[in-house]
Every structure is written in structure tokens, then in C-alpha cells.
Amino acid sequence: MEDKKTEYFDVLIPPGVPRTIIYDITDRFEVEVVNRRRMMKFANMDGDIRELLAFRCTKDTAEKVQEYMLSELEKFIAD
């Protein structure tokens, strides 16, 4: 019998996302908040490597988290 390992994906949290949205997602979904090193490619940070936060979870959950986070950001910006 083959032992399948669970594959995890990271959903990067864009800089500036309110803590309330991050906390809400950790309460609603089965995610782990992790640090990810990423090279920035915009504005005055072009080429800088920064530590970003990400939600680590399964693929199905990652898709739901991405959709929910963008929806909540749109609501936050509209208010």
C-alpha cells in the first residue's frame, strides 16, 4: 500500500493586509501562518528580498483562503 503525503501550498499575504483579516482567516480555515522569503519586483523594492507572511494549507483550502482574503480586502478598501 502506498503512503501518500499531504501536499501543502502557501498563499502569500500581501504587505498591508489588516491583522483583523489575518486573524479571521486563521479562525475560519485550517491554516498555519509561516514566513516566506520573496524577491520584491515593484516600486522602490525591486530586487529586495523580504520576509513575507503566508498561509500554509492544502490546495483546496488555499483556493478558498485566496478567494476569501481578496473578498475581505475589497470590503475593507470600500469602507
Protein backbone atom coordinates (compact mmCIF):
# COMPACT_ATOMS: atom_id res chain seq x y z
CA MET A 1 0.00 0.00 0.00
CA GLU A 2 1.29 3.46 -0.95
CA ASP A 3 1.63 6.08 1.79
CA LYS A 4 0.53 9.45 0.37
CA LYS A 5 1.95 12.59 1.93
CA THR A 6 -0.26 15.64 2.13
CA GLU A 7 0.92 18.37 -0.23
CA TYR A 8 0.82 21.91 1.17
CA PHE A 9 0.64 25.24 -0.62
CA ASP A 10 1.45 28.77 0.54
CA VAL A 11 -0.91 31.69 -0.03
CA LEU A 12 1.21 34.83 0.27
CA ILE A 13 -0.26 37.62 2.36
CA PRO A 14 0.36 40.93 0.59
CA PRO A 15 2.04 43.62 2.69
CA GLY A 16 -0.56 45.86 4.31
CA VAL A 17 -3.29 43.26 4.84
CA PRO A 18 -5.02 44.22 8.12
CA ARG A 19 -4.35 41.96 11.10
CA THR A 20 -8.10 41.53 11.56
CA ILE A 21 -8.32 39.76 8.19
CA ILE A 22 -5.31 37.56 9.00
CA TYR A 23 -6.81 36.60 12.39
CA ASP A 24 -10.20 35.96 10.78
CA ILE A 25 -8.68 33.58 8.23
CA THR A 26 -6.76 31.65 10.90
CA ASP A 27 -10.04 31.21 12.80
CA ARG A 28 -12.12 30.21 9.76
CA PHE A 29 -9.72 27.92 7.91
CA GLU A 30 -7.24 25.20 8.77
CA VAL A 31 -4.05 27.14 8.02
CA GLU A 32 -0.63 27.73 9.52
CA VAL A 33 0.92 31.20 9.28
CA VAL A 34 4.53 30.92 8.07
CA ASN A 35 7.34 33.21 6.89
CA ARG A 36 8.40 33.14 3.23
CA ARG A 37 11.39 34.90 1.68
CA ARG A 38 10.41 36.55 -1.61
CA MET A 39 12.15 38.86 -4.02
CA MET A 40 10.12 42.01 -4.48
CA LYS A 41 9.58 43.27 -8.03
CA PHE A 42 7.78 46.58 -7.72
CA ALA A 43 8.25 50.23 -6.84
CA ASN A 44 11.33 51.07 -4.78
CA MET A 45 11.75 47.46 -3.56
CA ASP A 46 12.74 45.99 -6.94
CA GLY A 47 15.19 43.20 -6.25
CA ASP A 48 14.94 43.39 -2.45
CA ILE A 49 14.38 40.10 -0.64
CA ARG A 50 11.75 40.42 2.08
CA GLU A 51 10.20 38.16 4.68
CA LEU A 52 6.50 37.86 3.91
CA LEU A 53 3.76 36.04 5.78
CA ALA A 54 1.85 33.23 4.11
CA PHE A 55 -0.97 30.84 4.95
CA ARG A 56 0.22 27.22 4.55
CA CYS A 57 -2.57 24.75 3.83
CA THR A 58 -3.87 22.12 1.43
CA LYS A 59 -4.64 23.07 -2.18
CA ASP A 60 -8.42 23.09 -1.66
CA THR A 61 -8.10 25.29 1.41
CA ALA A 62 -5.57 27.56 -0.34
CA GLU A 63 -8.06 28.28 -3.11
CA LYS A 64 -10.76 29.14 -0.56
CA VAL A 65 -8.38 31.28 1.51
CA GLN A 66 -7.23 33.21 -1.58
CA GLU A 67 -10.81 33.93 -2.63
CA TYR A 68 -11.89 34.90 0.90
CA MET A 69 -8.87 37.14 1.51
CA LEU A 70 -9.40 39.07 -1.74
CA SER A 71 -13.11 39.46 -0.96
CA GLU A 72 -12.37 40.78 2.54
CA LEU A 73 -9.72 43.18 1.18
CA GLU A 74 -12.23 44.58 -1.31
CA LYS A 75 -14.72 45.15 1.53
CA PHE A 76 -12.01 46.78 3.67
CA ILE A 77 -10.99 49.14 0.87
CA ALA A 78 -14.61 50.06 0.07
CA ASP A 79 -15.31 51.10 3.69
